[in-house]
């Protein structure tokens, strides 16, 4: 094969490659234009808009005293105080205390280990309860209410009672 033949073959292959590249480029451009047009058509479609509006509509609305309710089948609900259900000592322990007292993290006395608790219990329940409620910094760090300020004082004290019972 002569060098002229090789140059002609290379030129033909280059031309085919360029044509394939142009074809792929046109395909990508056509696809993007088509997608953009379809999106515009969907945004203008009334059924599509109705479905979107239904999907994002609020579930309800606040009706103030004296305001008319749009749907007569809806009854107004007065603000009623929610009945608070207090957690038991073991429940509070599992929800808030176990993370530190289960493994002695941060200097916390381990649950059920008398050597860790005897000096603390000797100070009295009032001191234990105060440290649990208000927090304590000493040999370790105890955040107020174990970091669960959403719990009531009674629930925290029940957890303290549970921890003390585990030592006995």
N, C-alpha and C. Protein backbone atom coordinates (compact mmCIF):
# COMPACT_ATOMS: atom_id res chain seq x y z
N UNK A 1 0.85 -1.16 0.00
CA UNK A 1 0.00 0.00 0.00
C UNK A 1 0.91 1.23 0.00
N UNK A 2 0.56 2.15 -0.87
CA UNK A 2 1.40 3.34 -0.99
C UNK A 2 0.98 4.38 0.04
N UNK A 3 1.82 5.38 0.19
CA UNK A 3 1.52 6.42 1.17
C UNK A 3 0.31 7.25 0.73
N UNK A 4 0.09 7.37 -0.58
CA UNK A 4 -1.10 8.09 -1.06
C UNK A 4 -2.38 7.34 -0.69
N UNK A 5 -2.33 6.01 -0.81
CA UNK A 5 -3.49 5.20 -0.43
C UNK A 5 -3.76 5.33 1.07
N UNK A 6 -2.70 5.30 1.85
CA UNK A 6 -2.84 5.42 3.32
C UNK A 6 -3.44 6.78 3.67
N UNK A 7 -3.02 7.84 3.00
CA UNK A 7 -3.54 9.18 3.25
C UNK A 7 -5.03 9.24 2.89
N UNK A 8 -5.43 8.59 1.78
CA UNK A 8 -6.83 8.57 1.39
C UNK A 8 -7.68 7.82 2.41
N UNK A 9 -7.18 6.70 2.91
CA UNK A 9 -7.91 5.92 3.93
C UNK A 9 -8.04 6.74 5.21
N UNK A 10 -6.95 7.38 5.61
CA UNK A 10 -7.00 8.22 6.81
C UNK A 10 -8.00 9.36 6.65
N UNK A 11 -8.04 9.96 5.47
CA UNK A 11 -8.97 11.05 5.19
C UNK A 11 -10.42 10.56 5.24
N UNK A 12 -10.67 9.39 4.69
CA UNK A 12 -12.02 8.81 4.71
C UNK A 12 -12.44 8.51 6.15
N UNK A 13 -11.54 7.91 6.94
CA UNK A 13 -11.85 7.60 8.34
C UNK A 13 -12.08 8.88 9.15
N UNK A 14 -11.29 9.91 8.90
CA UNK A 14 -11.48 11.18 9.58
C UNK A 14 -12.83 11.79 9.22
N UNK A 15 -13.19 11.72 7.96
CA UNK A 15 -14.49 12.25 7.51
C UNK A 15 -15.63 11.49 8.17
N UNK A 16 -15.53 10.17 8.24
CA UNK A 16 -16.58 9.36 8.89
C UNK A 16 -16.67 9.73 10.37
N UNK A 17 -15.53 9.90 11.04
CA UNK A 17 -15.52 10.27 12.46
C UNK A 17 -16.18 11.61 12.69
N UNK A 18 -15.86 12.59 11.83
CA UNK A 18 -16.46 13.92 11.96
C UNK A 18 -17.96 13.84 11.73
N UNK A 19 -18.40 13.08 10.75
CA UNK A 19 -19.83 12.94 10.48
C UNK A 19 -20.56 12.27 11.65
N UNK A 20 -19.93 11.27 12.24
CA UNK A 20 -20.55 10.62 13.41
C UNK A 20 -20.64 11.61 14.57
N UNK A 21 -19.59 12.40 14.78
CA UNK A 21 -19.62 13.42 15.84
C UNK A 21 -20.70 14.45 15.62
N UNK A 22 -20.85 14.90 14.39
CA UNK A 22 -21.90 15.87 14.07
C UNK A 22 -23.27 15.25 14.31
N UNK A 23 -23.46 14.00 13.92
CA UNK A 23 -24.75 13.32 14.10
C UNK A 23 -25.08 13.19 15.60
N UNK A 24 -24.09 12.81 16.41
CA UNK A 24 -24.33 12.69 17.86
C UNK A 24 -24.65 14.06 18.44
N UNK A 25 -23.93 15.09 18.02
CA UNK A 25 -24.20 16.45 18.50
C UNK A 25 -25.61 16.90 18.15
N UNK A 26 -26.04 16.66 16.93
CA UNK A 26 -27.40 17.02 16.52
C UNK A 26 -28.44 16.25 17.33
N UNK A 27 -28.17 14.99 17.59
CA UNK A 27 -29.10 14.18 18.39
C UNK A 27 -29.24 14.78 19.80
N UNK A 28 -28.13 15.14 20.43
CA UNK A 28 -28.17 15.71 21.78
C UNK A 28 -28.93 17.03 21.78
N UNK A 29 -28.66 17.88 20.80
CA UNK A 29 -29.35 19.17 20.72
C UNK A 29 -30.85 18.96 20.51
N UNK A 30 -31.21 18.05 19.63
CA UNK A 30 -32.63 17.78 19.36
C UNK A 30 -33.33 17.25 20.62
N UNK A 31 -32.65 16.39 21.34
CA UNK A 31 -33.24 15.84 22.57
C UNK A 31 -33.47 16.94 23.61
N UNK A 32 -32.49 17.82 23.80
CA UNK A 32 -32.63 18.91 24.76
C UNK A 32 -33.76 19.86 24.37
N UNK A 33 -33.85 20.19 23.10
CA UNK A 33 -34.92 21.07 22.64
C UNK A 33 -36.27 20.40 22.85
N UNK A 34 -36.35 19.14 22.57
CA UNK A 34 -37.60 18.39 22.75
C UNK A 34 -38.01 18.37 24.22
N UNK A 35 -37.04 18.10 25.12
CA UNK A 35 -37.35 18.08 26.55
C UNK A 35 -37.83 19.44 27.04
N UNK A 36 -37.19 20.50 26.58
CA UNK A 36 -37.60 21.85 26.98
C UNK A 36 -39.02 22.14 26.50
N UNK A 37 -39.34 21.76 25.28
CA UNK A 37 -40.69 21.98 24.77
C UNK A 37 -41.72 21.17 25.53
N UNK A 38 -41.38 19.93 25.88
CA UNK A 38 -42.31 19.08 26.63
C UNK A 38 -42.57 19.67 28.02
N UNK A 39 -41.52 20.20 28.65
CA UNK A 39 -41.70 20.81 29.96
C UNK A 39 -42.63 22.01 29.87
N UNK A 40 -42.42 22.86 28.86
CA UNK A 40 -43.29 24.02 28.68
C UNK A 40 -44.73 23.60 28.43
N UNK A 41 -44.91 22.54 27.64
CA UNK A 41 -46.25 22.06 27.34
C UNK A 41 -46.91 21.51 28.60
N UNK A 42 -46.14 20.81 29.45
CA UNK A 42 -46.71 20.27 30.68
C UNK A 42 -47.10 21.38 31.63
N UNK A 43 -46.28 22.42 31.72
CA UNK A 43 -46.59 23.52 32.62
C UNK A 43 -47.87 24.25 32.20
N UNK A 44 -48.18 24.24 30.94
CA UNK A 44 -49.39 24.89 30.45
C UNK A 44 -50.60 23.97 30.42
N UNK A 45 -50.42 22.69 30.69
CA UNK A 45 -51.50 21.72 30.65
C UNK A 45 -52.38 21.89 31.89
N UNK A 46 -53.67 22.07 31.70
CA UNK A 46 -54.58 22.32 32.83
C UNK A 46 -54.68 21.13 33.77
N UNK A 47 -54.72 19.92 33.24
CA UNK A 47 -54.81 18.73 34.09
C UNK A 47 -53.56 18.60 34.96
N UNK A 48 -52.40 18.85 34.35
CA UNK A 48 -51.15 18.79 35.10
C UNK A 48 -51.15 19.85 36.20
N UNK A 49 -51.56 21.06 35.88
CA UNK A 49 -51.61 22.13 36.87
C UNK A 49 -52.58 21.81 37.99
N UNK A 50 -53.72 21.21 37.65
CA UNK A 50 -54.70 20.83 38.67
C UNK A 50 -54.12 19.77 39.60
N UNK A 51 -53.40 18.81 39.04
CA UNK A 51 -52.78 17.76 39.86
C UNK A 51 -51.72 18.35 40.78
N UNK A 52 -50.92 19.28 40.28
CA UNK A 52 -49.90 19.92 41.11
C UNK A 52 -50.55 20.73 42.22
N UNK A 53 -51.56 21.51 41.88
CA UNK A 53 -52.25 22.32 42.89
C UNK A 53 -52.89 21.46 43.97
N UNK A 54 -53.44 20.34 43.58
CA UNK A 54 -54.03 19.42 44.56
C UNK A 54 -52.96 18.82 45.46
N UNK A 55 -51.82 18.50 44.88
CA UNK A 55 -50.73 17.87 45.62
C UNK A 55 -50.11 18.83 46.64
N UNK A 56 -50.04 20.11 46.31
CA UNK A 56 -49.39 21.06 47.22
C UNK A 56 -50.37 21.88 48.04
N UNK A 57 -51.65 21.59 47.94
CA UNK A 57 -52.66 22.32 48.70
C UNK A 57 -52.47 22.04 50.20
N UNK A 58 -52.69 23.03 51.04
CA UNK A 58 -52.58 22.81 52.49
C UNK A 58 -53.65 21.83 52.97
N UNK A 59 -53.32 21.12 54.02
CA UNK A 59 -54.25 20.12 54.55
C UNK A 59 -55.41 20.75 55.30
N UNK A 60 -55.24 21.94 55.73
CA UNK A 60 -56.30 22.62 56.48
C UNK A 60 -55.96 24.08 56.60
N UNK A 61 -56.80 24.77 57.35
CA UNK A 61 -56.51 26.18 57.60
C UNK A 61 -57.02 26.52 58.97
N UNK A 62 -56.43 27.54 59.55
CA UNK A 62 -56.81 27.97 60.88
C UNK A 62 -58.03 28.88 60.77
N UNK A 63 -59.01 28.58 61.59
CA UNK A 63 -60.22 29.39 61.63
C UNK A 63 -60.26 30.05 63.00
N UNK A 64 -60.26 31.35 63.01
CA UNK A 64 -60.31 32.09 64.26
C UNK A 64 -61.73 32.21 64.74
N UNK A 65 -61.88 32.52 66.02
CA UNK A 65 -63.22 32.70 66.57
C UNK A 65 -63.96 33.79 65.81
N UNK A 66 -65.21 33.53 65.47
CA UNK A 66 -66.03 34.50 64.77
C UNK A 66 -65.90 34.42 63.26
N UNK A 67 -64.94 33.66 62.77
CA UNK A 67 -64.75 33.53 61.33
C UNK A 67 -65.62 32.38 60.82
N UNK A 68 -66.17 32.55 59.64
CA UNK A 68 -67.04 31.52 59.07
C UNK A 68 -66.20 30.37 58.55
N UNK A 69 -66.70 29.16 58.76
CA UNK A 69 -66.04 27.97 58.25
C UNK A 69 -66.57 27.70 56.85
N UNK A 70 -65.67 27.53 55.89
CA UNK A 70 -66.08 27.35 54.49
C UNK A 70 -66.84 26.05 54.29
N UNK A 71 -66.43 24.99 54.95
CA UNK A 71 -67.06 23.68 54.79
C UNK A 71 -67.95 23.42 56.00
N UNK A 72 -69.27 23.37 55.84
CA UNK A 72 -70.15 23.18 56.99
C UNK A 72 -69.98 21.81 57.65
N UNK A 73 -69.37 20.86 56.96
CA UNK A 73 -69.16 19.55 57.55
C UNK A 73 -67.99 19.53 58.54
N UNK A 74 -67.22 20.60 58.56
CA UNK A 74 -66.07 20.68 59.45
C UNK A 74 -66.52 21.29 60.76
N UNK A 75 -66.15 20.68 61.84
CA UNK A 75 -66.48 21.23 63.14
C UNK A 75 -65.25 21.89 63.74
N UNK A 76 -65.47 22.95 64.44
CA UNK A 76 -64.37 23.67 65.07
C UNK A 76 -63.93 22.91 66.31
N UNK A 77 -62.64 22.90 66.52
CA UNK A 77 -62.08 22.23 67.69
C UNK A 77 -61.49 23.31 68.57
N UNK A 78 -61.93 23.36 69.79
CA UNK A 78 -61.40 24.33 70.74
C UNK A 78 -60.06 23.81 71.25
N UNK A 79 -59.23 24.74 71.69
CA UNK A 79 -57.94 24.34 72.25
C UNK A 79 -58.18 23.58 73.54
N UNK A 80 -57.84 22.31 73.49
CA UNK A 80 -57.97 21.47 74.67
C UNK A 80 -56.58 21.09 75.13
N UNK A 81 -56.33 21.18 76.40
CA UNK A 81 -54.99 20.81 76.86
C UNK A 81 -54.75 19.32 76.63
N UNK A 82 -53.60 19.02 76.07
CA UNK A 82 -53.26 17.63 75.80
C UNK A 82 -52.93 16.93 77.10
N UNK A 83 -53.43 15.74 77.23
CA UNK A 83 -53.14 14.97 78.42
C UNK A 83 -51.69 14.48 78.35
N UNK A 84 -50.90 14.93 79.30
CA UNK A 84 -49.49 14.56 79.32
C UNK A 84 -49.35 13.16 79.93
N UNK A 85 -48.63 12.33 79.25
CA UNK A 85 -48.36 10.99 79.75
C UNK A 85 -46.91 10.96 80.20
N UNK A 86 -46.72 10.79 81.49
CA UNK A 86 -45.36 10.78 82.03
C UNK A 86 -44.70 9.44 81.75
N UNK A 87 -43.42 9.51 81.44
CA UNK A 87 -42.65 8.28 81.24
C UNK A 87 -42.22 7.75 82.60
N UNK A 88 -42.05 6.45 82.67
CA UNK A 88 -41.58 5.83 83.90
C UNK A 88 -40.07 5.98 84.01
N UNK A 89 -39.54 5.67 85.19
CA UNK A 89 -38.10 5.74 85.40
C UNK A 89 -37.31 4.93 84.39
N UNK A 90 -37.65 3.64 84.17
CA UNK A 90 -36.91 2.85 83.18
C UNK A 90 -37.04 3.42 81.76
N UNK A 91 -38.20 3.97 81.43
CA UNK A 91 -38.36 4.56 80.09
C UNK A 91 -37.47 5.78 79.91
N UNK A 92 -37.42 6.63 80.93
CA UNK A 92 -36.56 7.82 80.86
C UNK A 92 -35.10 7.38 80.81
N UNK A 93 -34.74 6.38 81.62
CA UNK A 93 -33.36 5.88 81.62
C UNK A 93 -32.97 5.41 80.21
N UNK A 94 -33.83 4.63 79.58
CA UNK A 94 -33.53 4.12 78.24
C UNK A 94 -33.49 5.25 77.20
N UNK A 95 -34.30 6.28 77.39
CA UNK A 95 -34.36 7.36 76.41
C UNK A 95 -33.25 8.39 76.59
N UNK A 96 -32.84 8.65 77.84
CA UNK A 96 -31.92 9.76 78.08
C UNK A 96 -30.65 9.39 78.83
N UNK A 97 -30.69 8.42 79.69
CA UNK A 97 -29.57 8.18 80.61
C UNK A 97 -28.63 7.07 80.15
N UNK A 98 -29.16 6.10 79.44
CA UNK A 98 -28.40 4.91 79.05
C UNK A 98 -27.14 5.25 78.26
N UNK A 99 -27.21 6.27 77.43
CA UNK A 99 -26.08 6.61 76.56
C UNK A 99 -24.81 6.85 77.38
N UNK A 100 -24.92 7.54 78.50
CA UNK A 100 -23.73 7.84 79.32
C UNK A 100 -23.57 6.87 80.48
N UNK A 101 -24.65 6.63 81.21
CA UNK A 101 -24.55 5.79 82.41
C UNK A 101 -24.42 4.31 82.07
N UNK A 102 -24.78 3.92 80.89
CA UNK A 102 -24.63 2.52 80.49
C UNK A 102 -23.18 2.12 80.33
N UNK A 103 -22.32 3.05 79.92
CA UNK A 103 -20.91 2.72 79.70
C UNK A 103 -19.95 3.59 80.46
N UNK A 104 -20.45 4.49 81.31
CA UNK A 104 -19.58 5.36 82.08
C UNK A 104 -18.93 6.46 81.25
N UNK A 105 -19.60 6.89 80.23
CA UNK A 105 -19.05 7.92 79.33
C UNK A 105 -19.03 9.27 80.03
N UNK A 106 -17.96 10.02 79.86
CA UNK A 106 -17.85 11.36 80.41
C UNK A 106 -17.78 11.38 81.92
N UNK A 107 -17.31 10.31 82.52
CA UNK A 107 -17.21 10.25 83.98
C UNK A 107 -18.51 9.89 84.66
N UNK A 108 -19.52 9.50 83.90
CA UNK A 108 -20.81 9.13 84.49
C UNK A 108 -20.67 7.82 85.24
N UNK A 109 -21.28 7.74 86.44
CA UNK A 109 -21.25 6.47 87.16
C UNK A 109 -22.04 5.41 86.40
N UNK A 110 -21.47 4.21 86.28
CA UNK A 110 -22.11 3.15 85.52
C UNK A 110 -23.32 2.59 86.27
N UNK A 111 -24.32 2.29 85.50
CA UNK A 111 -25.55 1.73 86.07
C UNK A 111 -25.25 0.40 86.75
N UNK A 112 -25.70 0.28 88.01
CA UNK A 112 -25.57 -0.96 88.75
C UNK A 112 -24.22 -1.19 89.39
N UNK A 113 -23.25 -0.30 89.23
CA UNK A 113 -21.92 -0.46 89.83
C UNK A 113 -21.90 0.32 91.14
N UNK A 114 -21.97 -0.41 92.25
CA UNK A 114 -22.08 0.21 93.56
C UNK A 114 -20.90 1.12 93.87
N UNK A 115 -19.69 0.75 93.47
CA UNK A 115 -18.51 1.57 93.76
C UNK A 115 -18.64 2.95 93.13
N UNK A 116 -19.29 3.04 91.98
CA UNK A 116 -19.48 4.33 91.31
C UNK A 116 -20.56 5.17 91.98
N UNK A 117 -21.51 4.53 92.64
CA UNK A 117 -22.68 5.23 93.15
C UNK A 117 -22.67 5.48 94.66
N UNK A 118 -21.95 4.69 95.45
CA UNK A 118 -22.05 4.79 96.92
C UNK A 118 -21.79 6.19 97.44
N UNK A 119 -20.73 6.85 96.98
CA UNK A 119 -20.43 8.21 97.48
C UNK A 119 -21.51 9.19 97.06
N UNK A 120 -22.06 9.01 95.90
CA UNK A 120 -23.11 9.91 95.43
C UNK A 120 -24.41 9.69 96.20
N UNK A 121 -24.74 8.43 96.46
CA UNK A 121 -25.97 8.13 97.20
C UNK A 121 -25.84 8.63 98.63
N UNK A 122 -24.63 8.59 99.20
CA UNK A 122 -24.41 9.05 100.57
C UNK A 122 -24.69 10.55 100.70
N UNK A 123 -24.60 11.32 99.64
CA UNK A 123 -24.90 12.75 99.69
C UNK A 123 -26.39 13.01 99.85
N UNK A 124 -27.21 12.03 99.58
CA UNK A 124 -28.65 12.17 99.74
C UNK A 124 -29.38 12.32 98.41
N UNK A 125 -30.65 11.96 98.47
CA UNK A 125 -31.47 12.01 97.26
C UNK A 125 -31.65 13.44 96.74
N UNK A 126 -31.73 14.40 97.66
CA UNK A 126 -31.93 15.78 97.22
C UNK A 126 -30.77 16.25 96.35
N UNK A 127 -29.54 15.90 96.72
CA UNK A 127 -28.36 16.29 95.94
C UNK A 127 -28.37 15.56 94.59
N UNK A 128 -28.68 14.26 94.61
CA UNK A 128 -28.76 13.50 93.36
C UNK A 128 -29.79 14.11 92.42
N UNK A 129 -30.97 14.41 92.97
CA UNK A 129 -32.03 15.00 92.15
C UNK A 129 -31.62 16.37 91.62
N UNK A 130 -30.97 17.19 92.46
CA UNK A 130 -30.54 18.52 92.04
C UNK A 130 -29.52 18.41 90.90
N UNK A 131 -28.56 17.51 91.04
CA UNK A 131 -27.55 17.33 89.98
C UNK A 131 -28.19 16.84 88.68
N UNK A 132 -29.16 15.96 88.82
CA UNK A 132 -29.83 15.44 87.62
C UNK A 132 -30.66 16.53 86.94
N UNK A 133 -31.32 17.37 87.73
CA UNK A 133 -32.18 18.40 87.17
C UNK A 133 -31.41 19.61 86.66
N UNK A 134 -30.40 20.05 87.42
CA UNK A 134 -29.70 21.29 87.10
C UNK A 134 -28.38 21.06 86.39
N UNK A 135 -27.91 19.82 86.38
CA UNK A 135 -26.61 19.53 85.79
C UNK A 135 -25.52 19.53 86.85
N UNK A 136 -24.37 19.00 86.50
CA UNK A 136 -23.28 18.88 87.47
C UNK A 136 -21.96 18.78 86.74
N UNK A 137 -20.95 19.49 87.27
CA UNK A 137 -19.59 19.34 86.77
C UNK A 137 -18.71 19.01 87.95
N UNK A 138 -18.03 17.91 87.84
CA UNK A 138 -17.14 17.46 88.91
C UNK A 138 -16.18 16.47 88.30
N UNK A 139 -16.30 15.22 88.73
CA UNK A 139 -15.48 14.16 88.15
C UNK A 139 -15.84 13.96 86.68
N UNK A 140 -17.02 14.37 86.32
CA UNK A 140 -17.48 14.26 84.93
C UNK A 140 -18.38 15.44 84.63
N UNK A 141 -19.17 15.30 83.59
CA UNK A 141 -20.09 16.36 83.20
C UNK A 141 -21.47 15.77 83.02
N UNK A 142 -22.44 16.33 83.74
CA UNK A 142 -23.84 15.92 83.64
C UNK A 142 -24.63 17.14 83.17
N UNK A 143 -25.15 17.12 81.93
CA UNK A 143 -25.95 18.27 81.48
C UNK A 143 -27.29 18.29 82.22
N UNK A 144 -27.91 19.46 82.32
CA UNK A 144 -29.22 19.51 82.97
C UNK A 144 -30.19 18.53 82.31
N UNK A 145 -30.84 17.76 83.15
CA UNK A 145 -31.81 16.75 82.72
C UNK A 145 -31.22 15.78 81.70
N UNK A 146 -29.92 15.56 81.79
CA UNK A 146 -29.27 14.63 80.87
C UNK A 146 -29.33 15.08 79.43
N UNK A 147 -29.54 16.38 79.22
CA UNK A 147 -29.65 16.89 77.86
C UNK A 147 -31.06 16.82 77.30
N UNK A 148 -31.98 16.28 78.06
CA UNK A 148 -33.37 16.15 77.59
C UNK A 148 -34.26 17.12 78.37
N UNK A 149 -34.12 18.40 78.08
CA UNK A 149 -34.87 19.41 78.80
C UNK A 149 -36.37 19.34 78.52
N UNK A 150 -36.77 18.52 77.56
CA UNK A 150 -38.19 18.35 77.29
C UNK A 150 -38.87 17.47 78.33
N UNK A 151 -38.08 16.77 79.13
CA UNK A 151 -38.65 15.89 80.16
C UNK A 151 -39.01 16.70 81.40
N UNK A 152 -40.05 16.26 82.10
CA UNK A 152 -40.46 16.95 83.31
C UNK A 152 -39.53 16.59 84.47
N UNK A 153 -39.59 17.40 85.52
CA UNK A 153 -38.79 17.12 86.71
C UNK A 153 -39.17 15.77 87.31
N UNK A 154 -40.46 15.46 87.30
CA UNK A 154 -40.92 14.19 87.87
C UNK A 154 -40.32 13.00 87.10
N UNK A 155 -40.23 13.13 85.79
CA UNK A 155 -39.67 12.04 84.99
C UNK A 155 -38.18 11.86 85.28
N UNK A 156 -37.46 12.97 85.44
CA UNK A 156 -36.03 12.89 85.74
C UNK A 156 -35.83 12.26 87.11
N UNK A 157 -36.63 12.67 88.08
CA UNK A 157 -36.51 12.11 89.44
C UNK A 157 -36.85 10.62 89.43
N UNK A 158 -37.80 10.21 88.61
CA UNK A 158 -38.13 8.78 88.48
C UNK A 158 -36.94 8.02 87.91
N UNK A 159 -36.21 8.64 86.98
CA UNK A 159 -35.02 7.99 86.42
C UNK A 159 -33.92 7.90 87.47
N UNK A 160 -33.76 8.92 88.30
CA UNK A 160 -32.77 8.87 89.39
C UNK A 160 -33.12 7.74 90.35
N UNK A 161 -34.41 7.65 90.69
CA UNK A 161 -34.85 6.56 91.58
C UNK A 161 -34.52 5.20 90.95
N UNK A 162 -34.75 5.07 89.66
CA UNK A 162 -34.47 3.82 88.97
C UNK A 162 -32.96 3.50 89.02
N UNK A 163 -32.12 4.51 88.79
CA UNK A 163 -30.67 4.29 88.82
C UNK A 163 -30.21 3.87 90.22
N UNK A 164 -30.78 4.50 91.25
CA UNK A 164 -30.41 4.15 92.63
C UNK A 164 -30.87 2.72 92.95
N UNK A 165 -32.04 2.33 92.47
CA UNK A 165 -32.55 0.98 92.71
C UNK A 165 -31.62 -0.08 92.08
N UNK A 166 -30.97 0.26 90.98
CA UNK A 166 -30.10 -0.69 90.29
C UNK A 166 -28.85 -1.02 91.09
N UNK A 167 -28.49 -0.15 92.03
CA UNK A 167 -27.29 -0.37 92.85
C UNK A 167 -27.62 -1.31 93.99
N UNK A 168 -28.84 -1.30 94.47
CA UNK A 168 -29.23 -2.11 95.65
C UNK A 168 -29.39 -3.55 95.30
